[in-house]
Amino acid sequence: MKKRKKIKKYTDESIGKVKIMTDFLPSPEELVMKEESVKVTLLLSKASVDYFKELAEKKHTHYQKMIRVLLDKYASHYDR
């Protein structure tokens, strides 16, 4: 069992210079909305899949998600 750190007593001291940040977090509605997706079968080159698998492992994510995001960004760029 880990030892708990002792909590220091609260004191009424100045906290220094404060910077007010704009709200950058998404709304709860944006968090639960999910884009419609379609399951497809796609043949990719072994080299491409190996590349994304290696990169995904380094970034601790899923290679399919990386490919999906890449395609989404490509499509939105040229959909203008």
Protein backbone atom coordinates (compact mmCIF):
# COMPACT_ATOMS: atom_id res chain seq x y z
CA MET A 1 0.00 0.00 0.00
CA LYS A 2 1.33 3.43 -0.98
CA LYS A 3 1.86 6.09 1.64
CA ARG A 4 -0.35 9.12 1.16
CA LYS A 5 1.28 12.50 0.90
CA LYS A 6 0.52 14.76 3.80
CA ILE A 7 -1.71 17.64 2.75
CA LYS A 8 -0.46 21.06 3.75
CA LYS A 9 -2.79 23.36 5.60
CA TYR A 10 -4.65 26.00 3.62
CA THR A 11 -3.37 29.53 3.96
CA ASP A 12 -4.97 32.72 2.68
CA GLU A 13 -2.14 33.82 0.40
CA SER A 14 -1.96 35.47 -2.99
CA ILE A 15 -1.92 33.01 -5.89
CA GLY A 16 -0.01 35.35 -8.18
CA LYS A 17 -0.89 36.68 -11.62
CA VAL A 18 -4.12 35.14 -12.96
CA LYS A 19 -4.97 34.81 -16.66
CA ILE A 20 -8.60 34.24 -17.63
CA MET A 21 -8.88 31.67 -20.41
CA THR A 22 -11.61 31.57 -23.03
CA ASP A 23 -13.87 28.52 -22.96
CA PHE A 24 -12.27 26.06 -25.39
CA LEU A 25 -14.02 22.88 -24.29
CA PRO A 26 -16.75 21.39 -26.49
CA SER A 27 -20.33 21.50 -25.28
CA PRO A 28 -21.88 18.31 -23.87
CA GLU A 29 -23.93 18.01 -27.08
CA GLU A 30 -20.74 17.98 -29.15
CA LEU A 31 -19.28 15.25 -26.99
CA VAL A 32 -22.13 12.81 -27.50
CA MET A 33 -22.72 13.47 -31.20
CA LYS A 34 -21.17 10.78 -33.33
CA GLU A 35 -20.72 11.00 -37.05
CA GLU A 36 -22.54 8.42 -39.08
CA SER A 37 -20.12 5.77 -40.26
CA VAL A 38 -20.26 3.10 -42.92
CA LYS A 39 -18.39 -0.17 -42.79
CA VAL A 40 -16.42 -0.91 -45.98
CA THR A 41 -14.04 -3.55 -47.21
CA LEU A 42 -10.91 -2.02 -48.67
CA LEU A 43 -7.74 -3.57 -50.03
CA LEU A 44 -4.62 -1.59 -49.11
CA SER A 45 -0.99 -2.28 -49.87
CA LYS A 46 0.91 -4.19 -47.20
CA ALA A 47 3.45 -1.37 -47.05
CA SER A 48 0.75 1.21 -46.24
CA VAL A 49 -0.84 -0.93 -43.54
CA ASP A 50 2.56 -1.74 -42.01
CA TYR A 51 3.38 1.97 -41.96
CA PHE A 52 0.16 2.90 -40.14
CA LYS A 53 0.47 -0.03 -37.71
CA GLU A 54 4.01 1.02 -36.79
CA LEU A 55 3.03 4.66 -36.41
CA ALA A 56 -0.09 3.77 -34.39
CA GLU A 57 1.97 1.64 -32.02
CA LYS A 58 4.33 4.57 -31.39
CA LYS A 59 1.38 6.91 -30.78
CA HIS A 60 -0.57 4.36 -28.68
CA THR A 61 -3.64 4.41 -30.91
CA HIS A 62 -5.38 2.26 -33.52
CA TYR A 63 -4.13 2.20 -37.09
CA GLN A 64 -7.67 2.02 -38.53
CA LYS A 65 -8.55 5.24 -36.71
CA MET A 66 -5.50 6.96 -38.16
CA ILE A 67 -6.46 5.91 -41.69
CA ARG A 68 -10.07 7.03 -41.10
CA VAL A 69 -8.96 10.47 -39.85
CA LEU A 70 -6.60 10.83 -42.81
CA LEU A 71 -9.39 10.05 -45.28
CA ASP A 72 -11.83 12.38 -43.47
CA LYS A 73 -9.34 15.27 -43.59
CA TYR A 74 -8.58 14.60 -47.26
CA ALA A 75 -12.27 14.52 -48.16
CA SER A 76 -13.12 17.67 -46.18
CA HIS A 77 -10.18 19.53 -47.77
CA TYR A 78 -11.35 18.81 -51.32
CA ASP A 79 -15.06 19.14 -50.52
CA ARG A 80 -14.77 22.94 -50.32
